[in-house]
Protein backbone atom coordinates (compact mmCIF):
# COMPACT_ATOMS: atom_id res chain seq x y z
CA MET A 1 0.00 0.00 0.00
CA LYS A 2 1.27 3.49 -0.96
CA SER A 3 1.11 6.55 1.25
CA ALA A 4 -0.30 9.86 0.04
CA GLY A 5 2.10 11.67 -2.23
CA LEU A 6 4.39 8.66 -2.75
CA THR A 7 4.94 6.93 -6.08
CA HIS A 8 6.03 3.67 -4.47
CA PRO A 9 5.43 1.94 -1.13
CA PRO A 10 7.12 3.72 1.83
CA SER A 11 9.66 0.90 2.24
CA VAL A 12 10.86 1.27 -1.35
CA GLU A 13 10.87 5.07 -1.17
CA ALA A 14 13.00 4.83 1.97
CA ALA A 15 15.42 2.46 0.22
CA ARG A 16 15.53 4.96 -2.64
CA VAL A 17 16.63 7.75 -0.28
CA VAL A 18 19.22 5.51 1.43
CA VAL A 19 20.81 4.36 -1.84
CA GLY A 20 20.68 7.83 -3.38
CA THR A 21 22.47 9.31 -0.39
CA LEU A 22 25.09 6.57 -0.41
CA LEU A 23 25.77 7.32 -4.06
CA ALA A 24 26.07 11.03 -3.29
CA GLN A 25 28.62 10.16 -0.60
CA GLY A 26 30.84 8.23 -3.01
CA VAL A 27 29.70 4.63 -2.52
CA ARG A 28 30.18 2.60 -5.70
CA ASP A 29 30.06 -1.05 -4.59
CA VAL A 30 27.27 -2.93 -2.82
CA VAL A 31 27.10 -6.60 -1.87
CA ILE A 32 23.64 -7.93 -1.06
CA ALA A 33 22.52 -11.35 0.16
CA PRO A 34 19.08 -12.58 -0.95
CA GLY A 35 16.31 -12.09 1.61
CA SER A 36 12.75 -10.92 2.05
CA ARG A 37 13.00 -8.05 4.55
CA SER A 38 15.74 -6.41 2.45
CA ALA A 39 13.58 -6.62 -0.69
CA PRO A 40 12.90 -2.85 -0.79
CA PHE A 41 16.52 -2.30 -1.83
CA VAL A 42 16.34 -4.66 -4.82
CA PRO A 43 14.51 -2.48 -7.38
CA VAL A 44 16.56 0.54 -6.34
CA LEU A 45 19.89 -1.28 -6.65
CA ALA A 46 18.87 -2.82 -9.97
CA ALA A 47 18.02 0.62 -11.38
CA ALA A 48 21.25 2.14 -10.07
CA GLU A 49 23.33 -0.66 -11.58
CA ALA A 50 21.50 -0.44 -14.90
CA GLY A 51 22.30 3.27 -15.00
CA GLY A 52 26.01 2.64 -14.38
CA ALA A 53 26.04 4.40 -11.00
CA LEU A 54 26.72 1.31 -8.89
CA ARG A 55 28.23 -2.16 -8.99
CA VAL A 56 26.13 -4.78 -7.22
CA ARG A 57 27.20 -8.28 -6.22
CA VAL A 58 24.63 -10.85 -5.08
CA VAL A 59 26.17 -13.37 -2.67
CA LEU A 60 24.35 -16.29 -1.11
CA ASP A 61 26.17 -16.44 2.24
CA GLU A 62 26.16 -13.35 4.43
CA ARG A 63 29.53 -14.07 6.04
CA SER A 64 31.13 -14.25 2.59
CA ALA A 65 29.22 -11.15 1.50
CA ALA A 66 30.62 -9.10 4.37
CA PHE A 67 34.21 -10.14 3.70
CA MET A 68 33.75 -9.37 0.00
CA ALA A 69 32.63 -5.86 0.93
CA LEU A 70 35.68 -5.65 3.20
CA GLY A 71 37.91 -6.60 0.26
CA MET A 72 36.21 -3.98 -1.91
CA ALA A 73 36.90 -1.28 0.67
CA ARG A 74 40.53 -2.41 0.82
CA ALA A 75 40.80 -2.03 -2.95
CA TYR A 76 40.21 1.72 -2.65
CA GLY A 77 43.40 2.29 -0.66
CA GLY A 78 43.86 5.64 1.05
CA THR A 79 40.58 7.14 -0.20
CA ARG A 80 38.68 5.47 2.65
CA ARG A 81 35.77 4.88 0.29
CA PRO A 82 33.36 2.53 2.10
CA ALA A 83 31.73 -0.52 0.54
CA VAL A 84 28.26 -1.65 1.60
CA VAL A 85 26.84 -5.02 2.58
CA ILE A 86 23.04 -5.39 2.76
CA THR A 87 21.21 -8.26 4.45
CA THR A 88 17.79 -9.34 5.56
CA SER A 89 16.96 -9.71 9.26
CA GLY A 90 17.80 -12.31 11.92
CA THR A 91 20.84 -14.59 11.78
CA ALA A 92 21.74 -13.00 8.44
CA VAL A 93 23.00 -9.95 10.32
CA ALA A 94 24.84 -12.03 12.93
CA ASN A 95 26.80 -13.70 10.13
CA LEU A 96 28.40 -10.35 9.32
CA HIS A 97 30.14 -10.15 12.69
CA PRO A 98 33.53 -11.69 11.76
CA ALA A 99 34.05 -9.17 8.95
CA VAL A 100 32.78 -6.31 11.14
CA ALA A 101 35.29 -7.30 13.84
CA GLU A 102 38.12 -7.37 11.29
CA ALA A 103 37.06 -4.01 9.86
CA ASP A 104 37.04 -2.58 13.38
CA ALA A 105 40.53 -3.80 14.22
CA ALA A 106 42.02 -3.01 10.80
CA GLY A 107 40.36 0.39 10.39
CA VAL A 108 38.54 -0.48 7.16
CA PRO A 109 35.42 1.58 6.30
CA LEU A 110 32.57 -0.93 5.99
CA LEU A 111 28.87 -0.03 5.93
CA VAL A 112 26.35 -2.59 7.15
CA VAL A 113 22.77 -1.98 6.04
CA SER A 114 20.59 -4.45 7.93
CA ALA A 115 16.89 -4.74 7.12
CA ASP A 116 14.68 -5.28 10.14
CA ARG A 117 11.13 -5.60 11.37
CA PRO A 118 9.32 -2.79 13.21
CA HIS A 119 10.16 -2.24 16.88
CA GLU A 120 6.88 -3.73 18.11
CA PHE A 121 7.90 -7.19 16.83
CA VAL A 122 11.15 -7.37 18.80
CA GLY A 123 10.87 -9.72 21.77
CA THR A 124 7.57 -11.23 20.63
CA GLY A 125 8.87 -14.38 19.00
CA ALA A 126 8.22 -13.03 15.50
CA SER A 127 10.09 -14.93 12.82
CA GLN A 128 13.64 -13.78 12.02
CA THR A 129 13.48 -11.02 14.62
CA THR A 130 16.17 -10.14 17.16
CA GLU A 131 17.79 -7.00 18.56
CA GLN A 132 20.06 -6.30 15.60
CA THR A 133 21.46 -2.99 16.79
CA ARG A 134 23.35 -4.73 19.60
CA LEU A 135 24.90 -7.55 17.59
CA PHE A 136 28.25 -5.87 16.92
CA GLY A 137 28.89 -4.51 20.39
CA ALA A 138 31.54 -1.81 20.48
CA ALA A 139 32.91 -2.66 17.02
CA ALA A 140 30.69 -0.21 15.11
CA ARG A 141 31.77 3.42 14.93
CA LEU A 142 28.10 4.40 14.75
CA VAL A 143 24.76 2.54 14.78
CA VAL A 144 21.66 4.25 13.42
CA ASP A 145 18.28 2.59 13.94
CA LEU A 146 15.69 3.97 11.52
CA PRO A 147 12.20 3.24 12.90
CA ALA A 148 9.45 2.03 10.61
CA ASP A 149 7.35 5.11 11.35
CA LEU A 150 10.09 7.41 10.07
CA LEU A 151 10.59 5.29 6.98
CA ALA A 152 6.85 5.53 6.32
CA ASP A 153 6.83 9.32 6.74
CA LEU A 154 8.25 10.14 3.33
CA GLY A 155 5.37 12.16 1.99
CA SER A 156 7.17 15.24 3.29
CA THR A 157 10.62 16.63 2.61
CA ALA A 158 11.43 16.45 6.32
CA GLY A 159 11.14 12.66 6.49
CA ALA A 160 13.44 12.11 3.51
CA ALA A 161 15.93 14.69 4.76
CA ALA A 162 16.08 13.00 8.18
CA ILE A 163 17.00 9.66 6.57
CA ALA A 164 19.57 11.26 4.25
CA GLY A 165 21.15 13.08 7.17
CA GLN A 166 21.56 9.89 9.16
CA VAL A 167 23.13 8.11 6.17
CA ARG A 168 25.63 10.95 5.76
CA ARG A 169 26.53 10.64 9.44
CA LEU A 170 27.17 6.93 8.96
CA VAL A 171 29.44 7.45 5.96
CA ALA A 172 31.42 10.10 7.85
CA ALA A 173 31.77 7.76 10.86
CA ALA A 174 32.90 4.83 8.70
CA ARG A 175 35.46 6.97 6.91
CA GLY A 176 36.70 8.51 10.15
CA THR A 177 36.20 11.94 8.57
CA PHE A 178 36.25 13.77 11.90
CA SER A 179 37.61 11.11 14.24
CA ASP A 180 40.45 9.80 12.02
CA ASP A 181 39.19 6.39 13.21
CA PRO A 182 37.76 4.57 10.16
CA GLY A 183 35.86 1.33 10.61
CA PRO A 184 32.43 -0.31 10.38
CA ALA A 185 29.10 1.46 10.83
CA GLN A 186 25.56 0.05 10.81
CA LEU A 187 22.30 1.35 9.39
CA ASN A 188 19.37 -0.70 10.70
CA THR A 189 16.31 -0.08 8.53
CA ARG A 190 12.94 -1.22 9.87
CA PHE A 191 10.46 -1.88 7.05
CA ARG A 192 6.73 -2.55 7.05
CA PRO A 193 5.08 -4.36 4.11
CA PRO A 194 4.63 -3.98 1.22
CA LEU A 195 8.32 -4.61 0.64
CA THR A 196 8.68 -4.09 -3.09
CA ALA A 197 7.37 -2.18 -6.08
CA ALA A 198 5.76 -3.50 -9.23
CA GLU A 199 7.92 -1.34 -11.52
CA GLY A 200 11.48 -0.06 -11.62
CA VAL A 201 12.54 2.58 -9.12
CA PRO A 202 15.01 5.18 -10.37
CA VAL A 203 17.41 6.34 -7.70
CA GLY A 204 17.45 10.04 -8.42
CA PRO A 205 19.25 12.71 -6.38
CA SER A 206 19.08 12.52 -2.61
CA PRO A 207 18.03 15.40 -0.38
CA GLY A 208 20.88 17.48 1.00
CA ARG A 209 23.38 16.17 -1.56
CA LEU A 210 26.99 16.65 -0.48
CA GLU A 211 30.21 16.59 -2.44
CA ALA A 212 31.11 12.94 -2.89
CA LEU A 213 34.14 11.82 -0.92
CA ALA A 214 35.29 15.21 0.28
CA PRO A 215 39.05 15.07 0.93
CA LEU A 216 40.02 13.93 4.38
CA PRO A 217 42.08 16.41 6.36
CA GLY A 218 45.65 15.22 6.71
CA PRO A 219 47.07 14.63 10.20
CA GLN A 220 48.55 17.77 11.66
CA LEU A 221 52.03 17.60 13.09
CA PRO A 222 52.32 19.43 16.41
CA THR A 223 53.76 22.92 16.21
CA THR A 224 56.63 22.05 18.55
CA ALA A 225 59.74 24.07 17.68
CA ARG A 226 62.66 22.16 16.20
CA PRO A 227 65.30 21.36 18.83
CA VAL A 228 68.39 23.56 18.77
CA GLN A 229 70.50 20.52 18.00
CA ALA A 230 69.06 17.23 16.80
CA VAL A 231 70.50 14.05 18.28
CA ALA A 232 72.02 11.33 16.10
CA ARG A 233 70.88 8.05 17.61
CA ARG A 234 71.13 4.44 16.56
CA GLY A 235 67.52 3.44 16.07
CA LEU A 236 65.13 1.02 14.44
CA ILE A 237 61.87 1.52 12.57
CA VAL A 238 59.27 -1.23 12.89
CA ALA A 239 56.44 -1.15 10.34
CA GLY A 240 53.39 -3.37 10.59
CA ASP A 241 50.15 -3.74 8.69
CA GLY A 242 48.83 -0.34 7.69
CA PRO A 243 47.27 1.81 4.98
CA ASP A 244 48.90 1.88 1.54
CA GLU A 245 49.79 5.55 1.69
CA ALA A 246 51.88 5.05 4.85
CA GLY A 247 54.50 2.87 3.13
CA PRO A 248 56.35 5.55 1.12
CA VAL A 249 56.46 7.85 4.16
CA ILE A 250 57.97 5.14 6.37
CA ARG A 251 60.55 4.23 3.75
CA THR A 252 61.54 7.86 3.31
CA LEU A 253 61.87 8.25 7.09
CA ALA A 254 64.13 5.19 7.35
CA GLU A 255 66.33 6.43 4.51
CA HIS A 256 66.52 9.92 6.03
CA LEU A 257 67.66 8.57 9.42
CA ARG A 258 69.66 5.66 7.95
CA TRP A 259 67.95 3.32 10.36
CA PRO A 260 67.23 -0.36 9.68
CA LEU A 261 63.63 -0.86 8.60
CA LEU A 262 61.88 -3.98 9.94
CA ALA A 263 58.83 -4.00 7.69
CA GLU A 264 56.12 -6.64 7.56
CA PRO A 265 54.85 -7.62 4.09
CA THR A 266 51.54 -5.74 4.44
CA SER A 267 53.09 -2.49 5.70
CA GLY A 268 53.64 -1.13 2.19
CA ALA A 269 57.12 -0.12 3.37
CA ARG A 270 59.07 -3.31 2.66
CA GLY A 271 61.47 -1.92 0.11
CA GLY A 272 64.47 0.31 -0.44
CA PRO A 273 68.01 0.17 0.94
CA MET A 274 67.06 0.27 4.64
CA ALA A 275 64.58 -2.64 4.61
CA LEU A 276 65.89 -5.90 6.02
CA ALA A 277 64.89 -9.44 5.20
CA ARG A 278 64.87 -12.16 7.88
CA TYR A 279 64.80 -9.54 10.64
CA ALA A 280 62.57 -11.60 12.98
CA GLU A 281 64.85 -14.59 12.54
CA LEU A 282 67.85 -12.40 13.32
CA LEU A 283 66.26 -10.96 16.47
CA ALA A 284 65.88 -14.50 17.83
CA THR A 285 69.65 -15.10 17.66
CA PRO A 286 72.35 -13.93 20.10
CA ALA A 287 73.85 -11.72 17.36
CA GLY A 288 70.51 -10.09 16.70
CA GLN A 289 69.84 -9.56 20.39
CA GLU A 290 73.26 -7.95 20.78
CA LEU A 291 72.54 -5.57 17.92
CA ALA A 292 69.08 -4.77 19.26
CA GLY A 293 70.71 -4.01 22.61
CA GLN A 294 72.73 -1.27 20.92
CA ALA A 295 69.60 0.49 19.67
CA GLU A 296 68.91 3.82 21.36
CA HIS A 297 65.49 4.60 19.90
CA ILE A 298 62.58 2.77 18.28
CA LEU A 299 59.86 4.14 16.02
CA VAL A 300 56.83 1.99 15.28
CA ALA A 301 54.11 2.50 12.68
CA GLY A 302 51.11 0.42 11.71
CA HIS A 303 50.11 -2.79 13.44
CA PRO A 304 53.10 -5.15 13.77
CA SER A 305 51.93 -8.55 14.96
CA LEU A 306 53.77 -11.31 13.12
CA SER A 307 56.52 -12.40 15.50
CA ARG A 308 57.33 -12.68 19.17
CA PRO A 309 60.87 -11.25 18.79
CA VAL A 310 59.44 -8.02 17.39
CA THR A 311 56.86 -7.85 20.18
CA ALA A 312 59.68 -8.25 22.70
CA LEU A 313 61.62 -5.47 20.96
CA LEU A 314 58.67 -3.10 21.19
CA SER A 315 58.24 -3.93 24.90
CA ARG A 316 61.60 -2.44 25.90
CA THR A 317 61.51 0.18 28.63
CA ASP A 318 65.19 1.16 28.64
CA ILE A 319 64.99 3.28 25.47
CA PRO A 320 62.33 5.58 23.96
CA VAL A 321 59.69 3.74 21.93
CA GLU A 322 57.63 6.25 19.95
CA VAL A 323 54.54 5.55 17.89
CA LEU A 324 53.79 7.11 14.52
CA ALA A 325 50.04 6.67 14.28
CA THR A 326 48.28 6.22 10.94
CA THR A 327 44.79 6.59 12.47
CA ALA A 328 43.31 7.53 15.83
CA ARG A 329 44.05 3.96 16.96
CA TRP A 330 47.65 2.83 17.30
CA THR A 331 49.63 -0.19 18.45
CA ASP A 332 51.22 0.00 21.89
CA VAL A 333 50.83 -3.52 23.23
CA ALA A 334 53.21 -3.07 26.16
CA GLY A 335 51.79 0.35 27.06
CA ASN A 336 55.27 1.89 27.12
CA ALA A 337 55.05 4.38 24.24
CA ALA A 338 56.94 7.51 25.22
CA ARG A 339 55.08 9.62 22.68
CA VAL A 340 52.47 9.26 19.92
CA LEU A 341 52.70 11.44 16.82
CA PRO A 342 50.68 11.34 13.60
CA LEU A 343 52.47 9.85 10.61
CA PRO A 344 52.11 12.37 7.78
CA ARG A 345 50.67 11.21 4.46
CA ASP A 346 53.23 13.07 2.36
CA PRO A 347 56.87 11.91 2.22
CA GLY A 348 57.78 15.57 1.77
CA GLN A 349 56.85 16.15 5.43
CA VAL A 350 59.48 13.71 6.71
CA PRO A 351 62.12 16.40 7.47
CA GLU A 352 59.55 18.26 9.57
CA LEU A 353 58.65 15.05 11.39
CA VAL A 354 62.32 14.27 12.06
CA GLY A 355 62.78 17.75 13.49
CA ILE A 356 59.84 17.29 15.87
CA LEU A 357 61.24 13.92 16.94
CA GLY A 358 64.58 15.64 17.66
CA LEU A 359 66.53 13.07 15.66
CA ASP A 360 69.32 13.22 13.14
CA SER A 361 70.72 10.67 10.73
CA VAL A 362 73.48 8.31 11.75
CA GLY A 363 76.36 6.93 9.75
CA SER A 364 75.98 3.95 7.43
CA ASP A 365 77.89 1.67 9.83
CA TRP A 366 74.73 1.18 11.90
CA VAL A 367 72.56 -0.28 9.17
CA GLY A 368 75.64 -1.95 7.67
CA GLY A 369 76.08 -3.98 10.86
CA TRP A 370 72.52 -5.24 10.59
CA ARG A 371 72.99 -6.19 6.95
CA ARG A 372 76.13 -8.13 7.77
CA ALA A 373 74.34 -9.94 10.60
CA VAL A 374 71.54 -10.97 8.26
CA ALA A 375 74.07 -12.19 5.71
CA ALA A 376 75.74 -14.28 8.44
CA LEU A 377 72.53 -16.18 9.25
CA ALA A 378 72.41 -19.83 8.35
CA PRO A 379 71.78 -20.23 4.61
CA LEU A 380 68.17 -20.70 3.61
CA PRO A 381 67.21 -24.27 2.73
CA VAL A 382 68.32 -25.35 -0.72
CA PRO A 383 65.39 -26.59 -2.83
CA GLY A 384 65.24 -30.36 -2.95
CA GLU A 385 63.16 -32.72 -5.03
CA LYS A 386 59.90 -31.85 -3.28
CA LEU A 387 58.16 -28.48 -3.28
CA THR A 388 57.94 -26.80 0.13
CA ALA A 389 55.35 -24.36 1.41
CA ALA A 390 57.88 -21.55 1.57
CA GLU A 391 58.85 -22.07 -2.07
CA VAL A 392 55.26 -21.90 -3.22
CA VAL A 393 54.57 -18.71 -1.27
CA LEU A 394 57.75 -17.06 -2.54
CA ALA A 395 57.00 -18.07 -6.14
CA ALA A 396 53.53 -16.53 -5.89
CA TYR A 397 55.01 -13.38 -4.41
CA ARG A 398 57.62 -13.03 -7.14
CA SER A 399 55.06 -13.59 -9.87
CA SER A 400 53.05 -10.71 -8.45
CA VAL A 401 55.76 -8.11 -7.76
CA GLU A 402 58.48 -8.88 -10.32
CA PRO A 403 56.79 -9.17 -13.73
CA GLU A 404 57.72 -6.75 -16.54
CA GLY A 405 54.24 -5.20 -16.46
CA PRO A 406 51.82 -4.74 -13.57
CA GLY A 407 51.40 -8.05 -11.78
CA PRO A 408 48.26 -9.36 -10.11
CA ARG A 409 47.22 -8.02 -6.73
CA LEU A 410 48.42 -10.34 -3.96
CA VAL A 411 46.37 -11.44 -0.95
CA VAL A 412 47.83 -13.76 1.66
CA ALA A 413 46.25 -15.66 4.52
CA SER A 414 47.03 -14.65 8.10
CA SER A 415 48.74 -17.82 9.21
CA MET A 416 51.95 -19.53 8.10
CA THR A 417 51.52 -18.08 4.61
CA ILE A 418 52.30 -14.52 5.62
CA ARG A 419 55.07 -15.69 7.94
CA TYR A 420 56.78 -17.53 5.08
CA LEU A 421 56.50 -14.33 3.09
CA ASP A 422 57.90 -12.27 5.95
CA ARG A 423 60.90 -14.55 6.29
CA PHE A 424 61.76 -15.34 2.70
CA ALA A 425 60.61 -12.43 0.53
CA PRO A 426 63.39 -9.96 -0.26
CA PRO A 427 62.66 -6.23 0.07
CA ALA A 428 61.48 -4.61 -3.14
CA VAL A 429 63.88 -2.42 -5.09
CA GLY A 430 61.13 -0.14 -6.38
CA PRO A 431 57.84 0.82 -4.72
CA GLY A 432 56.83 -1.50 -1.92
CA PRO A 433 54.56 -4.36 -2.97
CA GLY A 434 50.85 -3.97 -2.28
CA VAL A 435 50.34 -7.15 -0.28
CA VAL A 436 46.95 -7.45 1.45
CA ALA A 437 46.05 -9.59 4.46
CA ASN A 438 43.39 -9.41 7.14
CA ARG A 439 45.78 -8.56 9.96
CA GLY A 440 43.36 -6.62 12.16
CA LEU A 441 42.44 -9.74 14.11
CA ALA A 442 44.62 -12.10 12.06
CA GLY A 443 41.88 -14.66 11.45
CA ILE A 444 41.93 -17.07 8.53
CA ASP A 445 38.18 -16.78 7.97
CA GLY A 446 37.09 -14.73 4.98
CA THR A 447 40.42 -14.83 3.12
CA LEU A 448 38.91 -15.95 -0.18
CA ALA A 449 35.93 -13.60 0.10
CA THR A 450 38.26 -10.67 0.79
CA ALA A 451 40.25 -11.53 -2.32
CA VAL A 452 37.10 -11.80 -4.43
CA GLY A 453 35.95 -8.38 -3.26
CA LEU A 454 39.38 -6.86 -3.90
CA SER A 455 39.42 -8.26 -7.43
CA LEU A 456 35.90 -7.10 -8.26
CA ALA A 457 36.33 -3.56 -6.93
CA SER A 458 39.81 -2.98 -8.34
CA GLY A 459 39.08 -4.59 -11.69
CA GLU A 460 42.55 -6.13 -11.51
CA PRO A 461 43.59 -9.79 -11.65
CA THR A 462 44.18 -11.03 -8.12
CA ARG A 463 46.12 -13.93 -6.67
CA VAL A 464 45.45 -15.22 -3.15
CA VAL A 465 47.83 -17.59 -1.36
CA LEU A 466 46.53 -19.62 1.55
CA GLY A 467 46.85 -22.94 3.32
CA ASP A 468 44.49 -25.88 2.99
CA LEU A 469 42.62 -25.08 6.22
CA ALA A 470 42.11 -21.43 5.29
CA PHE A 471 40.83 -22.56 1.88
CA LEU A 472 38.36 -25.04 3.34
CA HIS A 473 37.25 -22.52 5.96
CA ASP A 474 36.11 -20.13 3.24
CA ALA A 475 35.74 -22.31 0.13
CA MET A 476 32.07 -21.45 -0.40
CA SER A 477 33.07 -17.83 -1.03
CA LEU A 478 34.22 -19.02 -4.46
CA ALA A 479 30.65 -19.97 -5.29
CA ARG A 480 28.78 -17.43 -7.38
CA GLY A 481 25.37 -17.03 -8.88
CA SER A 482 25.11 -17.99 -12.52
CA LEU A 483 24.15 -14.37 -13.29
CA GLU A 484 27.15 -12.87 -11.44
CA THR A 485 30.44 -11.82 -13.02
CA GLU A 486 33.32 -14.27 -12.72
CA PRO A 487 36.30 -12.62 -11.02
CA ASP A 488 39.84 -12.84 -12.37
CA LEU A 489 41.02 -14.63 -9.25
CA GLN A 490 43.52 -17.40 -8.68
CA ALA A 491 43.72 -19.19 -5.34
CA VAL A 492 47.05 -20.89 -4.68
CA VAL A 493 46.41 -23.55 -2.03
CA VAL A 494 49.49 -24.61 -0.08
CA ASP A 495 48.34 -28.03 1.09
CA ASP A 496 50.52 -29.15 3.99
CA ARG A 497 47.72 -31.30 5.44
CA GLY A 498 46.66 -29.18 8.35
CA GLY A 499 47.50 -26.21 10.51
CA ALA A 500 51.27 -25.96 10.28
CA ILE A 501 51.46 -22.79 12.34
CA PHE A 502 50.83 -24.68 15.57
CA SER A 503 53.99 -26.74 15.03
CA THR A 504 56.00 -23.53 15.47
CA LEU A 505 54.60 -23.02 18.97
CA GLU A 506 55.14 -24.91 22.21
CA TYR A 507 52.27 -27.38 21.88
CA PRO A 508 54.05 -30.25 20.03
CA GLN A 509 56.57 -30.50 22.87
CA LEU A 510 53.88 -30.72 25.56
CA MET A 511 51.56 -33.42 24.28
CA ALA A 512 51.46 -36.73 22.46
CA ALA A 513 51.80 -36.53 18.68
CA GLU A 514 48.38 -38.05 18.01
CA VAL A 515 46.71 -35.58 20.39
CA PHE A 516 48.51 -32.63 18.82
CA ASP A 517 47.61 -33.76 15.29
CA ARG A 518 43.93 -34.21 16.08
CA TYR A 519 43.34 -31.07 18.12
CA PHE A 520 45.74 -28.60 16.46
CA THR A 521 46.97 -29.72 13.05
CA ALA A 522 43.46 -31.04 12.26
CA PRO A 523 44.14 -32.60 8.82
CA GLN A 524 41.00 -32.71 6.69
CA ALA A 525 39.58 -35.45 4.49
CA THR A 526 38.14 -33.14 1.81
CA ASP A 527 39.32 -33.57 -1.77
CA ILE A 528 40.26 -29.96 -2.52
CA PRO A 529 40.58 -30.25 -6.34
CA ARG A 530 37.16 -31.90 -6.63
CA LEU A 531 35.61 -29.30 -4.36
CA ALA A 532 37.17 -26.48 -6.38
CA ARG A 533 35.84 -27.95 -9.64
CA ALA A 534 32.39 -28.27 -8.10
CA LEU A 535 32.54 -24.55 -7.30
CA GLY A 536 33.25 -23.74 -10.94
CA ALA A 537 37.00 -23.16 -10.74
CA HIS A 538 39.54 -24.34 -13.27
CA VAL A 539 42.01 -26.50 -11.31
CA HIS A 540 45.77 -26.83 -11.71
CA GLU A 541 47.77 -29.47 -9.85
CA PRO A 542 51.47 -28.77 -10.48
CA ARG A 543 53.84 -31.57 -9.59
CA SER A 544 57.15 -29.77 -10.16
CA ARG A 545 58.72 -26.34 -9.87
CA SER A 546 58.63 -25.83 -13.60
CA ASP A 547 54.91 -26.63 -13.67
CA LEU A 548 54.26 -24.20 -10.82
CA HIS A 549 56.27 -21.35 -12.34
CA ALA A 550 54.62 -21.86 -15.74
CA ILE A 551 51.18 -21.50 -14.13
CA LEU A 552 52.14 -18.48 -12.03
CA SER A 553 53.81 -16.71 -14.94
CA ARG A 554 50.41 -16.13 -16.52
CA PRO A 555 48.07 -13.50 -15.04
CA PRO A 556 44.85 -14.93 -13.57
CA ARG A 557 41.95 -15.04 -16.00
CA GLY A 558 38.64 -16.21 -14.63
CA LEU A 559 38.42 -18.31 -11.48
CA SER A 560 41.13 -20.90 -10.90
CA VAL A 561 42.63 -22.91 -8.05
CA VAL A 562 46.24 -24.06 -7.96
CA HIS A 563 46.44 -26.99 -5.57
CA VAL A 564 50.02 -27.71 -4.48
CA ARG A 565 50.83 -30.61 -2.19
CA VAL A 566 53.93 -29.60 -0.25
CA HIS A 567 56.37 -31.27 2.08
CA PRO A 568 58.11 -30.04 5.22
């Protein structure tokens, strides 16, 4: 039933205002899972996509849908453009929580639009009804609950303007426009039937249209006067997972100070003459500990979380440890940061930052000592007859960052895969490689879905490297509707028959082998190649290095899975 003055039912008119305002705020990608309560969005999204204003992806599973939207938001880099995931009510919304938690911890702008029933149905036992605005706890930067009565009051300009204003608030909160704290935000839309329209619904302009994606203000360095005389100290720069635009600034800072750069693969800073390979391995040796003991200052940027030796380094209390924050949230696990300063977005501001820090460059002997110590480490294993997990990961990395032309985007799972990369991948000579991983909470769930979303939003071929457990955990994210576009995505599955990361911890030494294997390694009985074929992927099963390199030398086209059985 239509209200006076409305062309379509109130639910559809409300969806029209929501989508129109999202478009005005720069949203270009929406993932929606099929459902009844979210039906008002369908004709609006279909019209927007037909007009070229929006890309829509229909995904069966809500958990996969949310991680795909997360991957889309990651594809936009430093713009902080949010992607949107839309679901029906009930458990559908709860299935978004893993991706929302990752977006919270990683600072990724993700908009959740959850359809809901009117307030009077909550707590009555009505089908698919729960308190959806409380599902994500403190993870959401902002939660807006639009009541059904407001959504029905669209016969006046005031009702539409109120909805548009709330949507703009949500986009600003997700982007961290004023807080510099990007992350997830939720719009809970309560609809009353009828839930769809008989004809197409053009989106049209939204009330109170704003300039799409207004530039974010850059972080302001404090106006502290430069010290009379800067101090030349032997220091270290530790760079963890962080936004793409931070990488060049961190590299420039390391080169200015001539300090060793200990950069994780997803920092964007792992390149140039100061970046060290095998730094975590070195820090675990007596030689590395002796060198670290000579450090007089530590600067940390991003979210380093890959190794215990680095965590121990950042926990020192005998020297200044200063944080260069990329957002309003920063990493200070030990709580001993002497000072927190914003990391500028422009490498040209590095001299100003160095002056505020009161530091000066040191001679080349300092970083030279670290390079010599790395060179003195035990030689890396020489390839034998059997392919190893580390070789596969390194081959995928090289095929993505060393081709003559632009290589595929690279996504890696947050388990042994990224640790192999951290240990074995040499620093880049040119710009740091754009490696992506869900390091906010470092879970293996959603790895494939994130890669799918990244590929779809960027329009670039994408390669994702993950272990057999991470693949099986998220395999259904490779499924797609027969009417959906096939991504140019290649999943390289490093099949070491279970969770190898646990073998690097203390557990194997504390329990019987059969107990450890069952409860930690957890080898699976699934036939991965057959499963991949059933999901519509073209499957490769290389048996030699030459086979593997031949496959990886070609950019991904369509959906494929490279299943590699490896040996310790």
